[in-house]
Amino acid sequence: MTSARFPGKRFQEALAYAARLHASQFRKGTTRPYVAHLLGVTSTVLTYGGDEDEAIAALLHDAVEDQGGKPLLRRIRNKFGARVARIVDGCTDSYTEPKPPWLERKKAYLRHLRRANSSICLVSAADKLYNARETFNDLCSEGDQVWQRFKAAREQVVWYYRRVEKIVRGRIPRGLARELDSVVTALEATLPPPSLQGKSPTGKST
């Protein structure tokens, strides 16, 4: 349960820490400060009943992957506790630079997510909801050039969002599950018919 004093000192420190870590970062292909994404994911986690540790992990869910790898995860554990660090670890799909190929990385993360606890599922679903909604909104305003931001084909990106939605369904609040399903369905409607795609999202011929 979130305490009556929330947001407390730990959350305030995490907010400032996340803002410093990502201060020079922007959303891929845009001029939007990256902190907007972190705040959006955190807002969703709190809206759907997340506690302070889950909210802190939402603020820091991309920090390890983007800003420092395993050494930064150790610092997060020391500053904010083991539970926060476990959630952040559970939302991280790469610790190395350069990152493994996109499809390999995402398949590995999906295998991991099947075994993840409810806190990791909550933060991961909030993250994917924000990303999918942002992609859909940008498609509506900018057109198919949006897909050039990704290191994967549009069919693969949408496939990944759907796989996450199916895995976390039943382990996250129903309202969040409905939101994620709705926006992924909207993205699926923007794809060409399967007969025109040529290959499945995982690379096999259709």
N, C-alpha and C. Protein backbone atom coordinates (compact mmCIF):
# COMPACT_ATOMS: atom_id res chain seq x y z
N MET A 1 0.83 -1.20 0.00
CA MET A 1 0.00 0.00 0.00
C MET A 1 0.87 1.26 0.00
N THR A 2 0.45 2.27 -0.71
CA THR A 2 1.15 3.54 -0.71
C THR A 2 0.88 4.24 0.62
N SER A 3 1.92 4.75 1.27
CA SER A 3 1.74 5.37 2.57
C SER A 3 1.02 6.70 2.46
N ALA A 4 0.48 7.15 3.61
CA ALA A 4 -0.23 8.43 3.64
C ALA A 4 0.72 9.59 3.35
N ARG A 5 2.02 9.36 3.55
CA ARG A 5 3.01 10.41 3.33
C ARG A 5 3.53 10.43 1.90
N PHE A 6 3.01 9.56 1.07
CA PHE A 6 3.49 9.48 -0.31
C PHE A 6 3.03 10.72 -1.08
N PRO A 7 3.87 11.34 -1.92
CA PRO A 7 5.24 10.91 -2.18
C PRO A 7 6.20 11.35 -1.08
N GLY A 8 6.93 10.39 -0.58
CA GLY A 8 7.87 10.68 0.48
C GLY A 8 9.26 11.01 -0.03
N LYS A 9 10.20 11.03 0.87
CA LYS A 9 11.56 11.45 0.55
C LYS A 9 12.19 10.54 -0.49
N ARG A 10 11.96 9.21 -0.39
CA ARG A 10 12.57 8.29 -1.35
C ARG A 10 12.08 8.57 -2.76
N PHE A 11 10.78 8.77 -2.92
CA PHE A 11 10.24 9.05 -4.24
C PHE A 11 10.79 10.36 -4.78
N GLN A 12 10.86 11.38 -3.94
CA GLN A 12 11.38 12.67 -4.37
C GLN A 12 12.83 12.55 -4.81
N GLU A 13 13.61 11.77 -4.07
CA GLU A 13 15.00 11.56 -4.44
C GLU A 13 15.10 10.80 -5.76
N ALA A 14 14.25 9.81 -5.94
CA ALA A 14 14.26 9.04 -7.18
C ALA A 14 13.87 9.89 -8.38
N LEU A 15 12.92 10.79 -8.18
CA LEU A 15 12.49 11.69 -9.26
C LEU A 15 13.65 12.57 -9.70
N ALA A 16 14.34 13.15 -8.73
CA ALA A 16 15.49 14.00 -9.05
C ALA A 16 16.62 13.18 -9.68
N TYR A 17 16.82 11.97 -9.17
CA TYR A 17 17.89 11.10 -9.69
C TYR A 17 17.61 10.72 -11.14
N ALA A 18 16.38 10.33 -11.43
CA ALA A 18 16.01 9.96 -12.80
C ALA A 18 16.15 11.15 -13.74
N ALA A 19 15.74 12.33 -13.27
CA ALA A 19 15.84 13.52 -14.10
C ALA A 19 17.30 13.83 -14.44
N ARG A 20 18.21 13.63 -13.47
CA ARG A 20 19.63 13.87 -13.73
C ARG A 20 20.20 12.82 -14.70
N LEU A 21 19.84 11.57 -14.49
CA LEU A 21 20.38 10.50 -15.33
C LEU A 21 20.00 10.68 -16.79
N HIS A 22 18.77 11.14 -17.04
CA HIS A 22 18.26 11.23 -18.41
C HIS A 22 18.21 12.67 -18.93
N ALA A 23 18.93 13.58 -18.26
CA ALA A 23 18.80 15.01 -18.57
C ALA A 23 19.13 15.35 -20.02
N SER A 24 20.06 14.64 -20.63
CA SER A 24 20.47 14.96 -21.99
C SER A 24 19.81 14.06 -23.03
N GLN A 25 18.85 13.26 -22.62
CA GLN A 25 18.27 12.25 -23.50
C GLN A 25 16.90 12.71 -24.01
N PHE A 26 16.62 12.37 -25.25
CA PHE A 26 15.33 12.68 -25.87
C PHE A 26 14.71 11.40 -26.39
N ARG A 27 13.39 11.41 -26.55
CA ARG A 27 12.72 10.27 -27.14
C ARG A 27 13.20 10.09 -28.58
N LYS A 28 13.40 8.85 -28.96
CA LYS A 28 13.98 8.52 -30.26
C LYS A 28 13.21 9.18 -31.40
N GLY A 29 13.93 9.94 -32.23
CA GLY A 29 13.33 10.57 -33.39
C GLY A 29 12.48 11.79 -33.09
N THR A 30 12.56 12.30 -31.86
CA THR A 30 11.75 13.46 -31.49
C THR A 30 12.60 14.44 -30.69
N THR A 31 12.01 15.59 -30.37
CA THR A 31 12.65 16.56 -29.48
C THR A 31 12.02 16.53 -28.09
N ARG A 32 11.30 15.47 -27.77
CA ARG A 32 10.64 15.36 -26.46
C ARG A 32 11.64 14.92 -25.40
N PRO A 33 11.73 15.64 -24.31
CA PRO A 33 12.63 15.20 -23.23
C PRO A 33 12.26 13.81 -22.76
N TYR A 34 13.25 12.97 -22.52
CA TYR A 34 12.99 11.59 -22.14
C TYR A 34 12.23 11.50 -20.82
N VAL A 35 12.41 12.48 -19.98
CA VAL A 35 11.74 12.44 -18.68
C VAL A 35 10.22 12.40 -18.84
N ALA A 36 9.69 12.88 -19.96
CA ALA A 36 8.25 12.80 -20.19
C ALA A 36 7.78 11.35 -20.19
N HIS A 37 8.58 10.47 -20.79
CA HIS A 37 8.26 9.05 -20.81
C HIS A 37 8.29 8.48 -19.39
N LEU A 38 9.31 8.81 -18.63
CA LEU A 38 9.43 8.29 -17.27
C LEU A 38 8.25 8.73 -16.40
N LEU A 39 7.87 9.99 -16.54
CA LEU A 39 6.74 10.51 -15.77
C LEU A 39 5.42 9.85 -16.21
N GLY A 40 5.28 9.62 -17.51
CA GLY A 40 4.07 8.99 -18.00
C GLY A 40 3.93 7.56 -17.51
N VAL A 41 5.01 6.80 -17.54
CA VAL A 41 4.98 5.43 -17.04
C VAL A 41 4.68 5.41 -15.55
N THR A 42 5.31 6.31 -14.82
CA THR A 42 5.10 6.38 -13.37
C THR A 42 3.66 6.76 -13.06
N SER A 43 3.11 7.70 -13.80
CA SER A 43 1.71 8.08 -13.61
C SER A 43 0.78 6.89 -13.80
N THR A 44 1.03 6.09 -14.82
CA THR A 44 0.20 4.91 -15.07
C THR A 44 0.32 3.90 -13.94
N VAL A 45 1.53 3.67 -13.47
CA VAL A 45 1.74 2.74 -12.35
C VAL A 45 0.95 3.20 -11.13
N LEU A 46 1.01 4.48 -10.81
CA LEU A 46 0.29 4.99 -9.65
C LEU A 46 -1.21 4.97 -9.87
N THR A 47 -1.66 5.28 -11.08
CA THR A 47 -3.10 5.25 -11.39
C THR A 47 -3.67 3.87 -11.14
N TYR A 48 -2.88 2.84 -11.43
CA TYR A 48 -3.38 1.48 -11.28
C TYR A 48 -2.90 0.82 -9.98
N GLY A 49 -2.69 1.66 -8.95
CA GLY A 49 -2.50 1.14 -7.61
C GLY A 49 -1.09 0.80 -7.21
N GLY A 50 -0.11 1.20 -8.00
CA GLY A 50 1.27 0.90 -7.64
C GLY A 50 1.70 1.55 -6.34
N ASP A 51 2.57 0.87 -5.61
CA ASP A 51 3.08 1.42 -4.36
C ASP A 51 4.34 2.24 -4.62
N GLU A 52 4.96 2.71 -3.54
CA GLU A 52 6.11 3.60 -3.70
C GLU A 52 7.28 2.92 -4.39
N ASP A 53 7.59 1.69 -4.02
CA ASP A 53 8.68 0.99 -4.68
C ASP A 53 8.41 0.83 -6.17
N GLU A 54 7.19 0.48 -6.53
CA GLU A 54 6.84 0.32 -7.94
C GLU A 54 6.91 1.64 -8.69
N ALA A 55 6.50 2.71 -8.04
CA ALA A 55 6.59 4.03 -8.67
C ALA A 55 8.04 4.46 -8.86
N ILE A 56 8.88 4.19 -7.87
CA ILE A 56 10.30 4.52 -7.99
C ILE A 56 10.93 3.69 -9.12
N ALA A 57 10.58 2.42 -9.17
CA ALA A 57 11.10 1.57 -10.25
C ALA A 57 10.64 2.07 -11.62
N ALA A 58 9.41 2.59 -11.70
CA ALA A 58 8.93 3.15 -12.96
C ALA A 58 9.77 4.35 -13.37
N LEU A 59 10.13 5.20 -12.43
CA LEU A 59 11.00 6.33 -12.74
C LEU A 59 12.36 5.89 -13.26
N LEU A 60 12.83 4.74 -12.78
CA LEU A 60 14.19 4.30 -13.07
C LEU A 60 14.24 3.10 -14.02
N HIS A 61 13.10 2.75 -14.65
CA HIS A 61 13.04 1.48 -15.37
C HIS A 61 13.97 1.42 -16.58
N ASP A 62 14.34 2.58 -17.15
CA ASP A 62 15.24 2.60 -18.30
C ASP A 62 16.67 3.00 -17.93
N ALA A 63 16.91 3.30 -16.68
CA ALA A 63 18.20 3.85 -16.28
C ALA A 63 19.35 2.88 -16.53
N VAL A 64 19.16 1.63 -16.16
CA VAL A 64 20.22 0.64 -16.28
C VAL A 64 20.55 0.39 -17.74
N GLU A 65 19.52 0.22 -18.57
CA GLU A 65 19.72 -0.08 -19.99
C GLU A 65 20.37 1.08 -20.72
N ASP A 66 19.99 2.31 -20.36
CA ASP A 66 20.44 3.48 -21.13
C ASP A 66 21.61 4.23 -20.51
N GLN A 67 21.81 4.10 -19.19
CA GLN A 67 22.71 5.03 -18.52
C GLN A 67 23.78 4.41 -17.63
N GLY A 68 24.01 3.09 -17.71
CA GLY A 68 25.11 2.63 -16.85
C GLY A 68 25.21 1.15 -16.57
N GLY A 69 24.31 0.32 -17.06
CA GLY A 69 24.45 -1.11 -16.91
C GLY A 69 24.45 -1.61 -15.47
N LYS A 70 25.11 -2.73 -15.26
CA LYS A 70 25.12 -3.39 -13.95
C LYS A 70 25.64 -2.49 -12.82
N PRO A 71 26.70 -1.68 -13.05
CA PRO A 71 27.14 -0.80 -11.96
C PRO A 71 26.04 0.15 -11.49
N LEU A 72 25.25 0.66 -12.43
CA LEU A 72 24.17 1.56 -12.03
C LEU A 72 23.08 0.80 -11.29
N LEU A 73 22.81 -0.45 -11.68
CA LEU A 73 21.83 -1.24 -10.94
C LEU A 73 22.26 -1.42 -9.50
N ARG A 74 23.54 -1.61 -9.26
CA ARG A 74 24.04 -1.72 -7.88
C ARG A 74 23.82 -0.42 -7.13
N ARG A 75 24.04 0.71 -7.80
CA ARG A 75 23.81 1.99 -7.13
C ARG A 75 22.33 2.19 -6.81
N ILE A 76 21.47 1.78 -7.72
CA ILE A 76 20.03 1.88 -7.46
C ILE A 76 19.65 1.01 -6.27
N ARG A 77 20.22 -0.18 -6.17
CA ARG A 77 19.94 -1.06 -5.03
C ARG A 77 20.39 -0.40 -3.73
N ASN A 78 21.56 0.22 -3.75
CA ASN A 78 22.07 0.86 -2.54
C ASN A 78 21.24 2.08 -2.15
N LYS A 79 20.76 2.84 -3.13
CA LYS A 79 20.03 4.07 -2.85
C LYS A 79 18.55 3.83 -2.53
N PHE A 80 17.94 2.86 -3.23
CA PHE A 80 16.49 2.73 -3.14
C PHE A 80 16.00 1.35 -2.71
N GLY A 81 16.91 0.43 -2.50
CA GLY A 81 16.51 -0.85 -1.93
C GLY A 81 16.46 -1.99 -2.94
N ALA A 82 16.49 -3.20 -2.39
CA ALA A 82 16.56 -4.40 -3.22
C ALA A 82 15.31 -4.60 -4.07
N ARG A 83 14.13 -4.28 -3.51
CA ARG A 83 12.90 -4.51 -4.28
C ARG A 83 12.84 -3.62 -5.51
N VAL A 84 13.19 -2.35 -5.35
CA VAL A 84 13.23 -1.45 -6.50
C VAL A 84 14.21 -1.97 -7.54
N ALA A 85 15.38 -2.40 -7.09
CA ALA A 85 16.39 -2.90 -8.02
C ALA A 85 15.91 -4.14 -8.76
N ARG A 86 15.17 -5.03 -8.06
CA ARG A 86 14.66 -6.23 -8.73
C ARG A 86 13.66 -5.87 -9.83
N ILE A 87 12.81 -4.88 -9.56
CA ILE A 87 11.84 -4.47 -10.58
C ILE A 87 12.55 -3.85 -11.77
N VAL A 88 13.51 -2.95 -11.50
CA VAL A 88 14.27 -2.33 -12.59
C VAL A 88 14.99 -3.39 -13.40
N ASP A 89 15.63 -4.34 -12.72
CA ASP A 89 16.30 -5.44 -13.40
C ASP A 89 15.32 -6.21 -14.28
N GLY A 90 14.11 -6.43 -13.76
CA GLY A 90 13.11 -7.17 -14.50
C GLY A 90 12.54 -6.44 -15.70
N CYS A 91 12.76 -5.13 -15.76
CA CYS A 91 12.29 -4.34 -16.90
C CYS A 91 13.40 -4.03 -17.89
N THR A 92 14.58 -4.59 -17.66
CA THR A 92 15.75 -4.30 -18.49
C THR A 92 16.00 -5.46 -19.45
N ASP A 93 16.14 -5.15 -20.74
CA ASP A 93 16.37 -6.24 -21.69
C ASP A 93 17.79 -6.28 -22.25
N SER A 94 18.64 -5.36 -21.80
CA SER A 94 20.03 -5.40 -22.26
C SER A 94 20.93 -4.65 -21.28
N TYR A 95 22.12 -5.22 -21.03
CA TYR A 95 23.10 -4.58 -20.16
C TYR A 95 24.38 -4.23 -20.91
N THR A 96 24.42 -4.51 -22.18
CA THR A 96 25.67 -4.35 -22.92
C THR A 96 25.51 -3.37 -24.07
N GLU A 97 26.63 -2.78 -24.48
CA GLU A 97 26.71 -1.95 -25.67
C GLU A 97 27.81 -2.50 -26.56
N PRO A 98 27.53 -2.76 -27.82
CA PRO A 98 26.23 -2.58 -28.47
C PRO A 98 25.23 -3.62 -27.99
N LYS A 99 23.96 -3.29 -28.08
CA LYS A 99 22.92 -4.21 -27.67
C LYS A 99 22.84 -5.38 -28.66
N PRO A 100 22.37 -6.53 -28.18
CA PRO A 100 22.12 -7.65 -29.11
C PRO A 100 21.10 -7.24 -30.16
N PRO A 101 21.00 -7.99 -31.27
CA PRO A 101 20.00 -7.68 -32.29
C PRO A 101 18.60 -7.59 -31.70
N TRP A 102 17.79 -6.72 -32.29
CA TRP A 102 16.47 -6.39 -31.72
C TRP A 102 15.63 -7.63 -31.46
N LEU A 103 15.44 -8.49 -32.44
CA LEU A 103 14.53 -9.62 -32.28
C LEU A 103 15.04 -10.60 -31.24
N GLU A 104 16.32 -10.86 -31.24
CA GLU A 104 16.92 -11.74 -30.24
C GLU A 104 16.68 -11.20 -28.83
N ARG A 105 16.88 -9.90 -28.69
CA ARG A 105 16.71 -9.25 -27.38
C ARG A 105 15.26 -9.31 -26.91
N LYS A 106 14.34 -9.05 -27.81
CA LYS A 106 12.93 -9.02 -27.42
C LYS A 106 12.41 -10.42 -27.12
N LYS A 107 12.83 -11.42 -27.86
CA LYS A 107 12.41 -12.78 -27.56
C LYS A 107 12.91 -13.21 -26.18
N ALA A 108 14.15 -12.84 -25.86
CA ALA A 108 14.70 -13.17 -24.54
C ALA A 108 13.90 -12.47 -23.44
N TYR A 109 13.52 -11.22 -23.69
CA TYR A 109 12.75 -10.49 -22.67
C TYR A 109 11.37 -11.12 -22.48
N LEU A 110 10.74 -11.55 -23.55
CA LEU A 110 9.43 -12.19 -23.44
C LEU A 110 9.53 -13.47 -22.61
N ARG A 111 10.59 -14.25 -22.80
CA ARG A 111 10.78 -15.47 -21.99
C ARG A 111 10.92 -15.10 -20.52
N HIS A 112 11.66 -14.05 -20.25
CA HIS A 112 11.84 -13.58 -18.88
C HIS A 112 10.52 -13.09 -18.29
N LEU A 113 9.74 -12.37 -19.08
CA LEU A 113 8.51 -11.78 -18.58
C LEU A 113 7.49 -12.84 -18.16
N ARG A 114 7.53 -13.99 -18.78
CA ARG A 114 6.60 -15.07 -18.41
C ARG A 114 6.80 -15.52 -16.97
N ARG A 115 8.01 -15.32 -16.45
CA ARG A 115 8.31 -15.76 -15.08
C ARG A 115 8.34 -14.59 -14.10
N ALA A 116 8.04 -13.38 -14.57
CA ALA A 116 8.19 -12.18 -13.74
C ALA A 116 7.06 -12.07 -12.73
N ASN A 117 7.34 -11.34 -11.64
CA ASN A 117 6.30 -11.14 -10.63
C ASN A 117 5.37 -10.01 -11.04
N SER A 118 4.34 -9.77 -10.23
CA SER A 118 3.30 -8.80 -10.60
C SER A 118 3.83 -7.37 -10.65
N SER A 119 4.82 -7.05 -9.83
CA SER A 119 5.37 -5.69 -9.84
C SER A 119 6.10 -5.42 -11.16
N ILE A 120 6.89 -6.39 -11.61
CA ILE A 120 7.58 -6.23 -12.90
C ILE A 120 6.56 -6.15 -14.03
N CYS A 121 5.53 -6.99 -13.98
CA CYS A 121 4.49 -6.95 -15.02
C CYS A 121 3.79 -5.59 -15.04
N LEU A 122 3.53 -5.02 -13.87
CA LEU A 122 2.86 -3.73 -13.80
C LEU A 122 3.70 -2.64 -14.47
N VAL A 123 4.97 -2.54 -14.11
CA VAL A 123 5.83 -1.50 -14.67
C VAL A 123 6.07 -1.74 -16.15
N SER A 124 6.29 -3.00 -16.53
CA SER A 124 6.51 -3.31 -17.94
C SER A 124 5.28 -2.98 -18.77
N ALA A 125 4.09 -3.32 -18.28
CA ALA A 125 2.86 -3.01 -19.03
C ALA A 125 2.65 -1.51 -19.16
N ALA A 126 2.94 -0.76 -18.09
CA ALA A 126 2.81 0.70 -18.16
C ALA A 126 3.78 1.28 -19.18
N ASP A 127 4.99 0.74 -19.22
CA ASP A 127 5.99 1.17 -20.19
C ASP A 127 5.52 0.90 -21.62
N LYS A 128 5.04 -0.32 -21.86
CA LYS A 128 4.61 -0.68 -23.22
C LYS A 128 3.36 0.10 -23.62
N LEU A 129 2.48 0.38 -22.66
CA LEU A 129 1.30 1.19 -22.97
C LEU A 129 1.72 2.58 -23.42
N TYR A 130 2.63 3.20 -22.70
CA TYR A 130 3.10 4.53 -23.09
C TYR A 130 3.73 4.49 -24.47
N ASN A 131 4.60 3.52 -24.70
CA ASN A 131 5.29 3.43 -26.00
C ASN A 131 4.32 3.19 -27.14
N ALA A 132 3.40 2.26 -26.95
CA ALA A 132 2.45 1.94 -28.01
C ALA A 132 1.53 3.11 -28.29
N ARG A 133 1.08 3.78 -27.25
CA ARG A 133 0.19 4.94 -27.44
C ARG A 133 0.93 6.07 -28.15
N GLU A 134 2.17 6.32 -27.76
CA GLU A 134 2.96 7.36 -28.41
C GLU A 134 3.17 7.04 -29.89
N THR A 135 3.47 5.78 -30.17
CA THR A 135 3.66 5.37 -31.57
C THR A 135 2.38 5.58 -32.37
N PHE A 136 1.25 5.16 -31.81
CA PHE A 136 -0.02 5.32 -32.53
C PHE A 136 -0.34 6.80 -32.76
N ASN A 137 -0.17 7.61 -31.72
CA ASN A 137 -0.46 9.05 -31.88
C ASN A 137 0.44 9.69 -32.92
N ASP A 138 1.71 9.30 -32.93
CA ASP A 138 2.63 9.85 -33.92
C ASP A 138 2.30 9.36 -35.33
N LEU A 139 1.84 8.13 -35.45
CA LEU A 139 1.41 7.64 -36.75
C LEU A 139 0.25 8.48 -37.28
N CYS A 140 -0.66 8.83 -36.40
CA CYS A 140 -1.82 9.63 -36.81
C CYS A 140 -1.41 11.02 -37.30
N SER A 141 -0.37 11.57 -36.70
CA SER A 141 0.02 12.94 -37.05
C SER A 141 1.15 13.01 -38.07
N GLU A 142 2.01 11.99 -38.12
CA GLU A 142 3.21 12.05 -38.97
C GLU A 142 3.24 11.00 -40.08
N GLY A 143 2.42 9.98 -39.98
CA GLY A 143 2.41 8.95 -41.00
C GLY A 143 3.46 7.88 -40.79
N ASP A 144 3.67 7.04 -41.82
CA ASP A 144 4.50 5.86 -41.70
C ASP A 144 5.98 6.14 -41.47
N GLN A 145 6.41 7.39 -41.62
CA GLN A 145 7.82 7.69 -41.35
C GLN A 145 8.19 7.42 -39.89
N VAL A 146 7.20 7.33 -39.03
CA VAL A 146 7.44 7.03 -37.61
C VAL A 146 8.19 5.71 -37.46
N TRP A 147 7.91 4.75 -38.32
CA TRP A 147 8.55 3.43 -38.18
C TRP A 147 10.05 3.48 -38.41
N GLN A 148 10.55 4.54 -39.02
CA GLN A 148 11.98 4.66 -39.25
C GLN A 148 12.77 4.84 -37.95
N ARG A 149 12.07 5.17 -36.87
CA ARG A 149 12.75 5.32 -35.57
C ARG A 149 13.20 3.98 -35.00
N PHE A 150 12.60 2.91 -35.46
CA PHE A 150 12.80 1.61 -34.84
C PHE A 150 13.87 0.79 -35.55
N LYS A 151 14.50 -0.12 -34.81
CA LYS A 151 15.48 -1.04 -35.37
C LYS A 151 14.82 -2.34 -35.78
N ALA A 152 13.54 -2.29 -36.03
CA ALA A 152 12.77 -3.46 -36.41
C ALA A 152 11.67 -3.02 -37.36
N ALA A 153 11.14 -3.98 -38.12
CA ALA A 153 10.02 -3.69 -39.00
C ALA A 153 8.78 -3.39 -38.17
N ARG A 154 7.85 -2.65 -38.75
CA ARG A 154 6.64 -2.28 -38.01
C ARG A 154 5.87 -3.50 -37.55
N GLU A 155 5.84 -4.56 -38.37
CA GLU A 155 5.14 -5.78 -37.98
C GLU A 155 5.77 -6.40 -36.73
N GLN A 156 7.10 -6.32 -36.64
CA GLN A 156 7.79 -6.86 -35.47
C GLN A 156 7.48 -6.05 -34.22
N VAL A 157 7.47 -4.73 -34.36
CA VAL A 157 7.19 -3.86 -33.21
C VAL A 157 5.80 -4.15 -32.65
N VAL A 158 4.82 -4.21 -33.54
CA VAL A 158 3.44 -4.46 -33.10
C VAL A 158 3.30 -5.88 -32.55
N TRP A 159 3.96 -6.84 -33.19
CA TRP A 159 3.98 -8.21 -32.66
C TRP A 159 4.50 -8.24 -31.23
N TYR A 160 5.57 -7.50 -30.97
CA TYR A 160 6.16 -7.48 -29.62
C TYR A 160 5.18 -6.90 -28.61
N TYR A 161 4.55 -5.79 -28.94
CA TYR A 161 3.57 -5.22 -28.02
C TYR A 161 2.45 -6.22 -27.72
N ARG A 162 1.98 -6.93 -28.75
CA ARG A 162 0.91 -7.91 -28.53
C ARG A 162 1.37 -9.07 -27.67
N ARG A 163 2.59 -9.53 -27.88
CA ARG A 163 3.09 -10.62 -27.05
C ARG A 163 3.19 -10.20 -25.59
N VAL A 164 3.68 -8.99 -25.33
CA VAL A 164 3.72 -8.50 -23.95
C VAL A 164 2.30 -8.45 -23.38
N GLU A 165 1.37 -7.91 -24.14
CA GLU A 165 -0.03 -7.80 -23.67
C GLU A 165 -0.58 -9.16 -23.27
N LYS A 166 -0.33 -10.18 -24.08
CA LYS A 166 -0.85 -11.51 -23.79
C LYS A 166 -0.19 -12.11 -22.55
N ILE A 167 1.10 -11.86 -22.38
CA ILE A 167 1.82 -12.43 -21.25
C ILE A 167 1.38 -11.82 -19.92
N VAL A 168 1.19 -10.50 -19.89
CA VAL A 168 0.87 -9.85 -18.61
C VAL A 168 -0.62 -9.85 -18.32
N ARG A 169 -1.45 -10.13 -19.32
CA ARG A 169 -2.90 -10.18 -19.11
C ARG A 169 -3.22 -11.15 -17.97
N GLY A 170 -4.04 -10.72 -17.04
CA GLY A 170 -4.38 -11.55 -15.89
C GLY A 170 -3.44 -11.36 -14.71
N ARG A 171 -2.32 -10.66 -14.93
CA ARG A 171 -1.37 -10.42 -13.83
C ARG A 171 -1.22 -8.93 -13.53
N ILE A 172 -2.00 -8.13 -14.23
CA ILE A 172 -2.01 -6.68 -14.00
C ILE A 172 -3.46 -6.25 -13.81
N PRO A 173 -3.71 -5.05 -13.27
CA PRO A 173 -5.08 -4.58 -13.11
C PRO A 173 -5.86 -4.62 -14.42
N ARG A 174 -7.14 -4.97 -14.33
CA ARG A 174 -7.93 -5.17 -15.54
C ARG A 174 -8.02 -3.90 -16.39
N GLY A 175 -8.10 -2.75 -15.73
CA GLY A 175 -8.18 -1.50 -16.49
C GLY A 175 -6.93 -1.26 -17.33
N LEU A 176 -5.78 -1.56 -16.77
CA LEU A 176 -4.52 -1.42 -17.50
C LEU A 176 -4.46 -2.43 -18.65
N ALA A 177 -4.90 -3.65 -18.38
CA ALA A 177 -4.92 -4.67 -19.43
C ALA A 177 -5.82 -4.24 -20.59
N ARG A 178 -6.97 -3.64 -20.27
CA ARG A 178 -7.87 -3.19 -21.32
C ARG A 178 -7.25 -2.06 -22.13
N GLU A 179 -6.59 -1.13 -21.45
CA GLU A 179 -5.94 -0.02 -22.16
C GLU A 179 -4.86 -0.53 -23.11
N LEU A 180 -4.03 -1.44 -22.61
CA LEU A 180 -2.94 -1.96 -23.43
C LEU A 180 -3.50 -2.72 -24.62
N ASP A 181 -4.50 -3.55 -24.41
CA ASP A 181 -5.11 -4.29 -25.51
C ASP A 181 -5.70 -3.33 -26.55
N SER A 182 -6.35 -2.27 -26.08
CA SER A 182 -7.01 -1.33 -26.99
C SER A 182 -6.01 -0.62 -27.90
N VAL A 183 -4.90 -0.15 -27.33
CA VAL A 183 -3.95 0.59 -28.15
C VAL A 183 -3.17 -0.35 -29.08
N VAL A 184 -2.90 -1.57 -28.63
CA VAL A 184 -2.23 -2.52 -29.53
C VAL A 184 -3.17 -2.90 -30.67
N THR A 185 -4.44 -3.07 -30.38
CA THR A 185 -5.41 -3.35 -31.43
C THR A 185 -5.45 -2.21 -32.45
N ALA A 186 -5.37 -0.97 -31.97
CA ALA A 186 -5.36 0.19 -32.87
C ALA A 186 -4.11 0.16 -33.75
N LEU A 187 -2.98 -0.21 -33.19
CA LEU A 187 -1.75 -0.31 -33.99
C LEU A 187 -1.86 -1.44 -35.01
N GLU A 188 -2.41 -2.55 -34.61
CA GLU A 188 -2.56 -3.67 -35.54
C GLU A 188 -3.40 -3.27 -36.75
N ALA A 189 -4.37 -2.39 -36.53
CA ALA A 189 -5.24 -1.95 -37.63
C ALA A 189 -4.51 -1.09 -38.64
N THR A 190 -3.32 -0.57 -38.29
CA THR A 190 -2.54 0.25 -39.22
C THR A 190 -1.63 -0.59 -40.12
N LEU A 191 -1.50 -1.88 -39.84
CA LEU A 191 -0.59 -2.74 -40.60
C LEU A 191 -1.25 -3.19 -41.91
N PRO A 192 -0.44 -3.46 -42.92
CA PRO A 192 -1.00 -4.02 -44.15
C PRO A 192 -1.56 -5.41 -43.89
N PRO A 193 -2.46 -5.90 -44.74
CA PRO A 193 -3.00 -7.24 -44.55
C PRO A 193 -1.88 -8.28 -44.51
N PRO A 194 -2.05 -9.36 -43.74
CA PRO A 194 -0.98 -10.38 -43.64
C PRO A 194 -0.52 -10.91 -44.99
N SER A 195 -1.41 -10.99 -45.95
CA SER A 195 -1.04 -11.52 -47.26
C SER A 195 -0.04 -10.63 -47.99
N LEU A 196 0.06 -9.37 -47.55
CA LEU A 196 0.99 -8.44 -48.20
C LEU A 196 2.29 -8.27 -47.42
N GLN A 197 2.37 -8.90 -46.24
CA GLN A 197 3.54 -8.68 -45.40
C GLN A 197 4.71 -9.58 -45.77
N GLY A 198 4.46 -10.76 -46.33
CA GLY A 198 5.53 -11.61 -46.83
C GLY A 198 6.11 -12.55 -45.80
N LYS A 199 6.47 -12.03 -44.63
CA LYS A 199 7.04 -12.86 -43.57
C LYS A 199 6.35 -12.56 -42.26
N SER A 200 6.39 -13.54 -41.36
CA SER A 200 5.87 -13.32 -40.02
C SER A 200 6.82 -12.39 -39.28
N PRO A 201 6.36 -11.77 -38.18
CA PRO A 201 7.25 -10.88 -37.43
C PRO A 201 8.53 -11.52 -36.93
N THR A 202 8.52 -12.85 -36.77
CA THR A 202 9.73 -13.53 -36.28
C THR A 202 10.63 -14.02 -37.39
N GLY A 203 10.29 -13.65 -38.65
CA GLY A 203 11.20 -13.92 -39.75
C GLY A 203 10.85 -15.11 -40.62
N LYS A 204 9.82 -15.87 -40.28
CA LYS A 204 9.43 -17.02 -41.06
C LYS A 204 8.51 -16.61 -42.20
N SER A 205 8.59 -17.30 -43.31
CA SER A 205 7.72 -17.01 -44.43
C SER A 205 6.27 -17.29 -44.07
N THR A 206 5.34 -16.45 -44.57
CA THR A 206 3.94 -16.65 -44.29
C THR A 206 3.30 -17.49 -45.38
